[in-house]
C-alpha cells in the first residue's frame, strides 16, 4: 500500500503537468453559472464537467483531477463513469473531503476547517469509487493579533488527522494550509505566518505517524496582503522592493505608473 501511494504521489507531481481543481461545491459553481446566465442544475453541472474531462489529450497535461462528491458519482452521456473516463485519459481521480472553513469558537476572525466526522467511512466509499488522492484546505488569516498559535495548531491537528485517515484508506492526502492574501499586512507577516503554520503542520504529521513521501503539500505564495499600500509596505519592509502599485493597491507595478519604486 505504501508503494502504491508513493507511485501516485510521484505521478501527480510529474514534470510539465498540473492538477485540475474541479471540486467546486454546488454553491460555488452556482455563482459561476449565475454570472453567465446558466441555470445550475445537476444535469448542467454534469454536462460542464463532461466538457472538461473529454478535452483531447487531457492526460498529457493534467496529472490528476480533484472531484466533488456529486461529480465523482456522475457519468458521461454514454454512461462512462467520470472516474473511468479520467483514468483512460491518463489522469488520476481525486476527491475534496473537507466541508469548508468555519468560525473558530471564541477566536474572533479565525477559522478551522471541518469535515472529520464520518471521514473514515467516506474515504472508504471514495476509494471504492476510484479516488486515489484527496484534498483538505485550511485557511489562516493574518490580522491584528492573528493568526494565533491556537488557530494554527487546531488546523494543523485536523489536517494531520485527515491525512492519516487518507493513508489508512490507501489514498494520497494533499495538505493545503493557505495563508490568505486578504489584508494590509506586509510580506514579512505572510512569511512568518507561513513558517509557523508549516512547522506546526509537519510536527503534527510526524506525530500522527504519517508516511511523508506518500503525502503532497500545496503551499501558498509568500506575498504582501492584497490591500497593502505601497508606501506602507516600504516603511515596513526596508529590505524588499515594493510589489504593489499605489494606483490600484493590488496589482504589481508595470513601470508606467507613479509608484516611487515602480
C-alpha atoms as a PDB file:
ATOM      1  CA  UNK A   1       0.000   0.000   0.000  1.00  0.00           C
ATOM      2  CA  UNK A   2       2.844   2.405   0.825  1.00  0.00           C
ATOM      3  CA  UNK A   3       4.490   1.745  -2.537  1.00  0.00           C
ATOM      4  CA  UNK A   4       1.198   2.467  -4.300  1.00  0.00           C
ATOM      5  CA  UNK A   5       0.820   5.800  -2.525  1.00  0.00           C
ATOM      6  CA  UNK A   6       4.408   6.730  -3.338  1.00  0.00           C
ATOM      7  CA  UNK A   7       3.815   5.976  -7.014  1.00  0.00           C
ATOM      8  CA  UNK A   8       0.598   8.004  -7.017  1.00  0.00           C
ATOM      9  CA  UNK A   9       2.253  10.971  -5.319  1.00  0.00           C
ATOM     10  CA  UNK A  10       5.137  10.939  -7.794  1.00  0.00           C
ATOM     11  CA  UNK A  11       2.771  10.723 -10.766  1.00  0.00           C
ATOM     12  CA  UNK A  12       0.727  13.673  -9.509  1.00  0.00           C
ATOM     13  CA  UNK A  13       3.800  15.921  -9.492  1.00  0.00           C
ATOM     14  CA  UNK A  14       5.180  14.756 -12.838  1.00  0.00           C
ATOM     15  CA  UNK A  15       7.233  17.494 -14.567  1.00  0.00           C
ATOM     16  CA  UNK A  16       5.264  19.584 -17.031  1.00  0.00           C
ATOM     17  CA  UNK A  17       1.872  18.576 -15.664  1.00  0.00           C
ATOM     18  CA  UNK A  18      -0.589  20.037 -13.178  1.00  0.00           C
ATOM     19  CA  UNK A  19      -3.620  19.109 -11.108  1.00  0.00           C
ATOM     20  CA  UNK A  20      -7.049  20.333 -12.216  1.00  0.00           C
ATOM     21  CA  UNK A  21      -9.256  21.503  -9.331  1.00  0.00           C
ATOM     22  CA  UNK A  22     -12.783  20.593 -10.477  1.00  0.00           C
ATOM     23  CA  UNK A  23     -14.046  20.391  -6.920  1.00  0.00           C
ATOM     24  CA  UNK A  24     -16.208  23.493  -6.652  1.00  0.00           C
ATOM     25  CA  UNK A  25     -19.095  22.996  -4.275  1.00  0.00           C
ATOM     26  CA  UNK A  26     -22.634  23.245  -5.578  1.00  0.00           C
ATOM     27  CA  UNK A  27     -22.865  26.751  -4.128  1.00  0.00           C
ATOM     28  CA  UNK A  28     -19.627  27.938  -5.694  1.00  0.00           C
ATOM     29  CA  UNK A  29     -20.374  26.631  -9.170  1.00  0.00           C
ATOM     30  CA  UNK A  30     -23.851  28.180  -8.988  1.00  0.00           C
ATOM     31  CA  UNK A  31     -22.248  31.599  -8.583  1.00  0.00           C
ATOM     32  CA  UNK A  32     -20.132  30.978 -11.678  1.00  0.00           C
ATOM     33  CA  UNK A  33     -23.110  29.805 -13.692  1.00  0.00           C
ATOM     34  CA  UNK A  34     -25.182  32.772 -12.476  1.00  0.00           C
ATOM     35  CA  UNK A  35     -22.515  35.151 -13.813  1.00  0.00           C
ATOM     36  CA  UNK A  36     -23.104  33.833 -17.350  1.00  0.00           C
ATOM     37  CA  UNK A  37     -26.838  33.292 -17.060  1.00  0.00           C
ATOM     38  CA  UNK A  38     -26.752  29.472 -16.864  1.00  0.00           C
ATOM     39  CA  UNK A  39     -29.055  27.588 -14.515  1.00  0.00           C
ATOM     40  CA  UNK A  40     -27.127  25.425 -12.045  1.00  0.00           C
ATOM     41  CA  UNK A  41     -28.954  22.104 -12.312  1.00  0.00           C
ATOM     42  CA  UNK A  42     -27.332  18.725 -11.648  1.00  0.00           C
ATOM     43  CA  UNK A  43     -27.551  17.892 -15.365  1.00  0.00           C
ATOM     44  CA  UNK A  44     -25.957  21.192 -16.387  1.00  0.00           C
ATOM     45  CA  UNK A  45     -23.144  20.681 -13.880  1.00  0.00           C
ATOM     46  CA  UNK A  46     -22.630  17.146 -15.224  1.00  0.00           C
ATOM     47  CA  UNK A  47     -22.505  18.412 -18.812  1.00  0.00           C
ATOM     48  CA  UNK A  48     -19.987  21.092 -17.837  1.00  0.00           C
ATOM     49  CA  UNK A  49     -17.717  18.528 -16.149  1.00  0.00           C
ATOM     50  CA  UNK A  50     -18.042  16.237 -19.163  1.00  0.00           C
ATOM     51  CA  UNK A  51     -16.865  19.067 -21.402  1.00  0.00           C
ATOM     52  CA  UNK A  52     -13.763  19.490 -19.241  1.00  0.00           C
ATOM     53  CA  UNK A  53     -12.973  15.798 -18.871  1.00  0.00           C
ATOM     54  CA  UNK A  54     -13.311  14.985 -22.576  1.00  0.00           C
ATOM     55  CA  UNK A  55     -10.719  17.582 -23.579  1.00  0.00           C
ATOM     56  CA  UNK A  56      -8.411  15.974 -26.175  1.00  0.00           C
ATOM     57  CA  UNK A  57      -5.050  14.839 -24.744  1.00  0.00           C
ATOM     58  CA  UNK A  58      -6.128  15.754 -21.211  1.00  0.00           C
ATOM     59  CA  UNK A  59      -3.689  13.300 -19.637  1.00  0.00           C
ATOM     60  CA  UNK A  60      -0.764  14.836 -21.496  1.00  0.00           C
ATOM     61  CA  UNK A  61      -1.077  17.945 -19.346  1.00  0.00           C
ATOM     62  CA  UNK A  62      -3.250  17.073 -16.325  1.00  0.00           C
ATOM     63  CA  UNK A  63      -1.798  14.519 -13.898  1.00  0.00           C
ATOM     64  CA  UNK A  64      -4.801  14.473 -11.569  1.00  0.00           C
ATOM     65  CA  UNK A  65      -8.298  15.915 -11.209  1.00  0.00           C
ATOM     66  CA  UNK A  66      -9.872  16.854  -7.869  1.00  0.00           C
ATOM     67  CA  UNK A  67     -13.574  15.992  -7.918  1.00  0.00           C
ATOM     68  CA  UNK A  68     -16.544  16.987  -5.773  1.00  0.00           C
ATOM     69  CA  UNK A  69     -18.833  14.421  -4.125  1.00  0.00           C
ATOM     70  CA  UNK A  70     -21.513  14.933  -6.766  1.00  0.00           C
ATOM     71  CA  UNK A  71     -19.054  14.704  -9.651  1.00  0.00           C
ATOM     72  CA  UNK A  72     -17.267  11.515  -8.629  1.00  0.00           C
ATOM     73  CA  UNK A  73     -20.612   9.721  -8.897  1.00  0.00           C
ATOM     74  CA  UNK A  74     -21.526  11.067 -12.343  1.00  0.00           C
ATOM     75  CA  UNK A  75     -21.044   9.628 -15.845  1.00  0.00           C
ATOM     76  CA  UNK A  76     -20.843  10.787 -19.460  1.00  0.00           C
ATOM     77  CA  UNK A  77     -23.759  10.822 -21.894  1.00  0.00           C
ATOM     78  CA  UNK A  78     -22.667   7.311 -22.890  1.00  0.00           C
ATOM     79  CA  UNK A  79     -22.756   6.051 -19.309  1.00  0.00           C
ATOM     80  CA  UNK A  80     -18.992   6.001 -18.708  1.00  0.00           C
ATOM     81  CA  UNK A  81     -18.227   6.973 -15.090  1.00  0.00           C
ATOM     82  CA  UNK A  82     -16.143  10.143 -14.936  1.00  0.00           C
ATOM     83  CA  UNK A  83     -13.559   8.265 -12.865  1.00  0.00           C
ATOM     84  CA  UNK A  84     -13.086   5.698 -15.633  1.00  0.00           C
ATOM     85  CA  UNK A  85     -13.003   8.448 -18.246  1.00  0.00           C
ATOM     86  CA  UNK A  86     -10.193  10.238 -16.425  1.00  0.00           C
ATOM     87  CA  UNK A  87      -8.223   7.049 -15.865  1.00  0.00           C
ATOM     88  CA  UNK A  88      -8.460   6.211 -19.562  1.00  0.00           C
ATOM     89  CA  UNK A  89      -7.171   9.690 -20.382  1.00  0.00           C
ATOM     90  CA  UNK A  90      -4.170   9.199 -18.083  1.00  0.00           C
ATOM     91  CA  UNK A  91      -5.303  11.464 -15.227  1.00  0.00           C
ATOM     92  CA  UNK A  92      -5.650  10.285 -11.618  1.00  0.00           C
ATOM     93  CA  UNK A  93      -9.077  10.885  -9.989  1.00  0.00           C
ATOM     94  CA  UNK A  94      -9.080  12.635  -6.614  1.00  0.00           C
ATOM     95  CA  UNK A  95     -11.680  13.986  -4.204  1.00  0.00           C
ATOM     96  CA  UNK A  96     -12.209  17.003  -1.955  1.00  0.00           C
ATOM     97  CA  UNK A  97     -13.205  15.798   1.523  1.00  0.00           C
ATOM     98  CA  UNK A  98     -13.287  18.852   3.799  1.00  0.00           C
ATOM     99  CA  UNK A  99     -16.568  20.699   4.229  1.00  0.00           C
ATOM    100  CA  UNK A 100     -15.068  24.163   4.462  1.00  0.00           C
ATOM    101  CA  UNK A 101     -13.664  26.624   6.960  1.00  0.00           C
ATOM    102  CA  UNK A 102     -15.965  27.569   9.827  1.00  0.00           C
ATOM    103  CA  UNK A 103     -15.538  30.222  12.568  1.00  0.00           C
ATOM    104  CA  UNK A 104     -13.242  29.019  15.348  1.00  0.00           C
ATOM    105  CA  UNK A 105     -15.243  29.273  18.587  1.00  0.00           C
ATOM    106  CA  UNK A 106     -14.006  32.001  20.975  1.00  0.00           C
ATOM    107  CA  UNK A 107     -11.328  33.121  18.491  1.00  0.00           C
ATOM    108  CA  UNK A 108     -12.910  36.028  16.564  1.00  0.00           C
ATOM    109  CA  UNK A 109     -11.703  36.407  12.997  1.00  0.00           C
ATOM    110  CA  UNK A 110     -10.170  32.935  12.775  1.00  0.00           C
ATOM    111  CA  UNK A 111     -11.391  29.699  11.236  1.00  0.00           C
ATOM    112  CA  UNK A 112     -10.940  25.948  11.478  1.00  0.00           C
ATOM    113  CA  UNK A 113     -11.686  23.537   8.642  1.00  0.00           C
ATOM    114  CA  UNK A 114     -14.283  20.893   9.404  1.00  0.00           C
ATOM    115  CA  UNK A 115     -15.089  17.517   7.870  1.00  0.00           C
ATOM    116  CA  UNK A 116     -13.542  14.885  10.135  1.00  0.00           C
ATOM    117  CA  UNK A 117     -16.887  13.472  11.271  1.00  0.00           C
ATOM    118  CA  UNK A 118     -17.550  10.299   9.306  1.00  0.00           C
ATOM    119  CA  UNK A 119     -14.437  10.796   7.213  1.00  0.00           C
ATOM    120  CA  UNK A 120     -13.150   7.222   7.584  1.00  0.00           C
ATOM    121  CA  UNK A 121     -16.357   5.858   6.083  1.00  0.00           C
ATOM    122  CA  UNK A 122     -16.453   8.499   3.337  1.00  0.00           C
ATOM    123  CA  UNK A 123     -12.873   7.720   2.340  1.00  0.00           C
ATOM    124  CA  UNK A 124     -13.685   4.024   2.087  1.00  0.00           C
ATOM    125  CA  UNK A 125     -16.581   4.942  -0.196  1.00  0.00           C
ATOM    126  CA  UNK A 126     -14.462   7.273  -2.321  1.00  0.00           C
ATOM    127  CA  UNK A 127     -11.678   4.697  -2.661  1.00  0.00           C
ATOM    128  CA  UNK A 128     -14.259   2.215  -3.882  1.00  0.00           C
ATOM    129  CA  UNK A 129     -15.413   4.769  -6.457  1.00  0.00           C
ATOM    130  CA  UNK A 130     -11.836   5.110  -7.715  1.00  0.00           C
ATOM    131  CA  UNK A 131     -10.374   8.126  -5.885  1.00  0.00           C
ATOM    132  CA  UNK A 132      -6.617   7.775  -5.365  1.00  0.00           C
ATOM    133  CA  UNK A 133      -5.868  11.110  -3.720  1.00  0.00           C
ATOM    134  CA  UNK A 134      -7.739  13.677  -1.635  1.00  0.00           C
ATOM    135  CA  UNK A 135      -7.537  17.356  -0.726  1.00  0.00           C
ATOM    136  CA  UNK A 136      -8.128  19.272   2.512  1.00  0.00           C
ATOM    137  CA  UNK A 137      -7.732  23.060   2.722  1.00  0.00           C
ATOM    138  CA  UNK A 138      -7.259  25.136   5.846  1.00  0.00           C
ATOM    139  CA  UNK A 139      -7.331  28.938   5.864  1.00  0.00           C
ATOM    140  CA  UNK A 140      -5.039  31.015   8.077  1.00  0.00           C
ATOM    141  CA  UNK A 141      -5.941  34.684   8.414  1.00  0.00           C
ATOM    142  CA  UNK A 142      -3.468  37.491   9.102  1.00  0.00           C
ATOM    143  CA  UNK A 143      -4.883  40.400  11.080  1.00  0.00           C
ATOM    144  CA  UNK A 144      -4.489  42.258  14.345  1.00  0.00           C
ATOM    145  CA  UNK A 145      -3.283  39.576  16.747  1.00  0.00           C
ATOM    146  CA  UNK A 146      -3.812  36.777  14.243  1.00  0.00           C
ATOM    147  CA  UNK A 147      -3.044  34.105  13.399  1.00  0.00           C
ATOM    148  CA  UNK A 148      -2.929  32.832  16.967  1.00  0.00           C
ATOM    149  CA  UNK A 149      -0.916  29.739  17.805  1.00  0.00           C
ATOM    150  CA  UNK A 150      -4.138  28.039  18.831  1.00  0.00           C
ATOM    151  CA  UNK A 151      -5.770  28.550  15.426  1.00  0.00           C
ATOM    152  CA  UNK A 152      -2.670  27.283  13.669  1.00  0.00           C
ATOM    153  CA  UNK A 153      -2.451  24.244  15.948  1.00  0.00           C
ATOM    154  CA  UNK A 154      -6.168  23.464  15.603  1.00  0.00           C
ATOM    155  CA  UNK A 155      -5.924  23.439  11.819  1.00  0.00           C
ATOM    156  CA  UNK A 156      -2.639  21.530  11.820  1.00  0.00           C
ATOM    157  CA  UNK A 157      -4.081  18.814  14.069  1.00  0.00           C
ATOM    158  CA  UNK A 158      -7.245  18.470  11.972  1.00  0.00           C
ATOM    159  CA  UNK A 159      -5.240  18.298   8.762  1.00  0.00           C
ATOM    160  CA  UNK A 160      -2.889  15.652  10.164  1.00  0.00           C
ATOM    161  CA  UNK A 161      -5.876  13.545  11.285  1.00  0.00           C
ATOM    162  CA  UNK A 162      -7.360  13.843   7.806  1.00  0.00           C
ATOM    163  CA  UNK A 163      -4.058  12.828   6.211  1.00  0.00           C
ATOM    164  CA  UNK A 164      -3.692   9.807   8.489  1.00  0.00           C
ATOM    165  CA  UNK A 165      -7.196   8.614   7.641  1.00  0.00           C
ATOM    166  CA  UNK A 166      -6.402   9.027   3.943  1.00  0.00           C
ATOM    167  CA  UNK A 167      -3.297   6.855   4.160  1.00  0.00           C
ATOM    168  CA  UNK A 168      -5.229   4.276   6.144  1.00  0.00           C
ATOM    169  CA  UNK A 169      -7.607   4.106   3.156  1.00  0.00           C
ATOM    170  CA  UNK A 170      -4.769   3.914   0.581  1.00  0.00           C
ATOM    171  CA  UNK A 171      -5.401   7.477  -0.580  1.00  0.00           C
ATOM    172  CA  UNK A 172      -2.668  10.100  -1.025  1.00  0.00           C
ATOM    173  CA  UNK A 173      -3.523  13.204   1.041  1.00  0.00           C
ATOM    174  CA  UNK A 174      -2.856  16.686  -0.294  1.00  0.00           C
ATOM    175  CA  UNK A 175      -2.477  19.092   2.627  1.00  0.00           C
ATOM    176  CA  UNK A 176      -3.209  22.743   1.829  1.00  0.00           C
ATOM    177  CA  UNK A 177      -2.601  25.191   4.672  1.00  0.00           C
ATOM    178  CA  UNK A 178      -3.299  28.501   2.938  1.00  0.00           C
ATOM    179  CA  UNK A 179      -2.266  31.852   4.375  1.00  0.00           C
ATOM    180  CA  UNK A 180      -4.909  34.134   2.889  1.00  0.00           C
ATOM    181  CA  UNK A 181      -3.806  37.115   0.809  1.00  0.00           C
ATOM    182  CA  UNK A 182      -6.589  39.319   2.209  1.00  0.00           C
ATOM    183  CA  UNK A 183      -5.457  42.162   4.431  1.00  0.00           C
ATOM    184  CA  UNK A 184      -2.977  45.009   4.717  1.00  0.00           C
ATOM    185  CA  UNK A 185      -0.055  43.001   6.098  1.00  0.00           C
ATOM    186  CA  UNK A 186       3.494  43.273   4.697  1.00  0.00           C
ATOM    187  CA  UNK A 187       5.251  40.363   3.091  1.00  0.00           C
ATOM    188  CA  UNK A 188       7.162  39.621   6.315  1.00  0.00           C
ATOM    189  CA  UNK A 189       3.902  38.870   8.132  1.00  0.00           C
ATOM    190  CA  UNK A 190       2.963  36.341   5.449  1.00  0.00           C
ATOM    191  CA  UNK A 191       6.418  34.774   5.616  1.00  0.00           C
ATOM    192  CA  UNK A 192       6.241  34.483   9.406  1.00  0.00           C
ATOM    193  CA  UNK A 193       2.719  33.027   9.417  1.00  0.00           C
ATOM    194  CA  UNK A 194       3.609  30.563   6.659  1.00  0.00           C
ATOM    195  CA  UNK A 195       6.651  29.377   8.579  1.00  0.00           C
ATOM    196  CA  UNK A 196       4.726  28.902  11.817  1.00  0.00           C
ATOM    197  CA  UNK A 197       1.930  27.065  10.036  1.00  0.00           C
ATOM    198  CA  UNK A 198       4.185  24.653   8.141  1.00  0.00           C
ATOM    199  CA  UNK A 199       6.208  23.956  11.281  1.00  0.00           C
ATOM    200  CA  UNK A 200       3.060  23.121  13.270  1.00  0.00           C
ATOM    201  CA  UNK A 201       1.608  21.042  10.433  1.00  0.00           C
ATOM    202  CA  UNK A 202       4.632  18.831   9.920  1.00  0.00           C
ATOM    203  CA  UNK A 203       5.104  18.298  13.644  1.00  0.00           C
ATOM    204  CA  UNK A 204       1.527  17.027  13.745  1.00  0.00           C
ATOM    205  CA  UNK A 205       2.019  14.874  10.656  1.00  0.00           C
ATOM    206  CA  UNK A 206       5.070  13.228  12.201  1.00  0.00           C
ATOM    207  CA  UNK A 207       3.234  12.747  15.494  1.00  0.00           C
ATOM    208  CA  UNK A 208       0.394  11.056  13.587  1.00  0.00           C
ATOM    209  CA  UNK A 209       2.950   8.624  12.076  1.00  0.00           C
ATOM    210  CA  UNK A 210       2.286   9.684   8.516  1.00  0.00           C
ATOM    211  CA  UNK A 211       4.426   8.377   5.688  1.00  0.00           C
ATOM    212  CA  UNK A 212       5.592  11.765   4.386  1.00  0.00           C
ATOM    213  CA  UNK A 213       6.670  10.596   0.882  1.00  0.00           C
ATOM    214  CA  UNK A 214       3.077   9.434   0.485  1.00  0.00           C
ATOM    215  CA  UNK A 215       1.733  12.969   1.024  1.00  0.00           C
ATOM    216  CA  UNK A 216       1.714  16.161  -1.038  1.00  0.00           C
ATOM    217  CA  UNK A 217       1.874  19.792   0.115  1.00  0.00           C
ATOM    218  CA  UNK A 218       0.135  22.655  -1.662  1.00  0.00           C
ATOM    219  CA  UNK A 219       1.730  25.752  -0.222  1.00  0.00           C
ATOM    220  CA  UNK A 220       0.621  29.371  -0.584  1.00  0.00           C
ATOM    221  CA  UNK A 221       2.681  32.135  -2.154  1.00  0.00           C
ATOM    222  CA  UNK A 222       4.504  34.429   0.252  1.00  0.00           C
ATOM    223  CA  UNK A 223       3.241  37.870  -0.779  1.00  0.00           C
ATOM    224  CA  UNK A 224       2.048  41.115   0.828  1.00  0.00           C
ATOM    225  CA  UNK A 225      -1.633  41.461   1.658  1.00  0.00           C
ATOM    226  CA  UNK A 226      -3.862  42.327  -1.290  1.00  0.00           C
ATOM    227  CA  UNK A 227      -4.899  45.643   0.299  1.00  0.00           C
ATOM    228  CA  UNK A 228      -1.468  46.815   1.384  1.00  0.00           C
ATOM    229  CA  UNK A 229      -0.441  50.305   0.241  1.00  0.00           C
ATOM    230  CA  UNK A 230       2.874  50.905  -1.487  1.00  0.00           C
ATOM    231  CA  UNK A 231       4.255  53.478   0.978  1.00  0.00           C
ATOM    232  CA  UNK A 232       3.132  51.412   3.932  1.00  0.00           C
ATOM    233  CA  UNK A 233       4.958  48.416   2.511  1.00  0.00           C
ATOM    234  CA  UNK A 234       8.110  50.483   2.017  1.00  0.00           C
ATOM    235  CA  UNK A 235       8.053  51.636   5.629  1.00  0.00           C
ATOM    236  CA  UNK A 236       7.539  48.122   6.957  1.00  0.00           C
ATOM    237  CA  UNK A 237       9.866  46.354   4.538  1.00  0.00           C
ATOM    238  CA  UNK A 238      13.144  48.226   4.127  1.00  0.00           C
ATOM    239  CA  UNK A 239      14.996  45.262   2.678  1.00  0.00           C
ATOM    240  CA  UNK A 240      12.481  44.429  -0.070  1.00  0.00           C
ATOM    241  CA  UNK A 241      11.252  46.190  -3.172  1.00  0.00           C
ATOM    242  CA  UNK A 242       7.567  47.107  -3.027  1.00  0.00           C
ATOM    243  CA  UNK A 243       5.445  44.978  -5.354  1.00  0.00           C
ATOM    244  CA  UNK A 244       2.138  46.854  -5.263  1.00  0.00           C
ATOM    245  CA  UNK A 245       1.201  49.879  -7.304  1.00  0.00           C
ATOM    246  CA  UNK A 246      -0.375  52.768  -5.300  1.00  0.00           C
ATOM    247  CA  UNK A 247      -2.751  53.496  -8.171  1.00  0.00           C
ATOM    248  CA  UNK A 248      -4.502  50.159  -7.599  1.00  0.00           C
ATOM    249  CA  UNK A 249      -3.205  48.893  -4.220  1.00  0.00           C
ATOM    250  CA  UNK A 250      -3.495  45.395  -5.691  1.00  0.00           C
ATOM    251  CA  UNK A 251      -1.568  44.882  -8.898  1.00  0.00           C
ATOM    252  CA  UNK A 252       2.206  44.710  -9.377  1.00  0.00           C
ATOM    253  CA  UNK A 253       3.838  47.825 -10.767  1.00  0.00           C
ATOM    254  CA  UNK A 254       4.235  47.823 -14.533  1.00  0.00           C
ATOM    255  CA  UNK A 255       6.744  50.660 -14.742  1.00  0.00           C
ATOM    256  CA  UNK A 256       4.208  53.099 -16.186  1.00  0.00           C
ATOM    257  CA  UNK A 257       2.645  54.460 -13.011  1.00  0.00           C
ATOM    258  CA  UNK A 258       3.635  56.981 -10.356  1.00  0.00           C
ATOM    259  CA  UNK A 259       4.781  54.380  -7.878  1.00  0.00           C
ATOM    260  CA  UNK A 260       8.044  55.620  -6.280  1.00  0.00           C
ATOM    261  CA  UNK A 261       9.622  52.214  -6.748  1.00  0.00           C
ATOM    262  CA  UNK A 262       7.794  51.226  -9.975  1.00  0.00           C
END
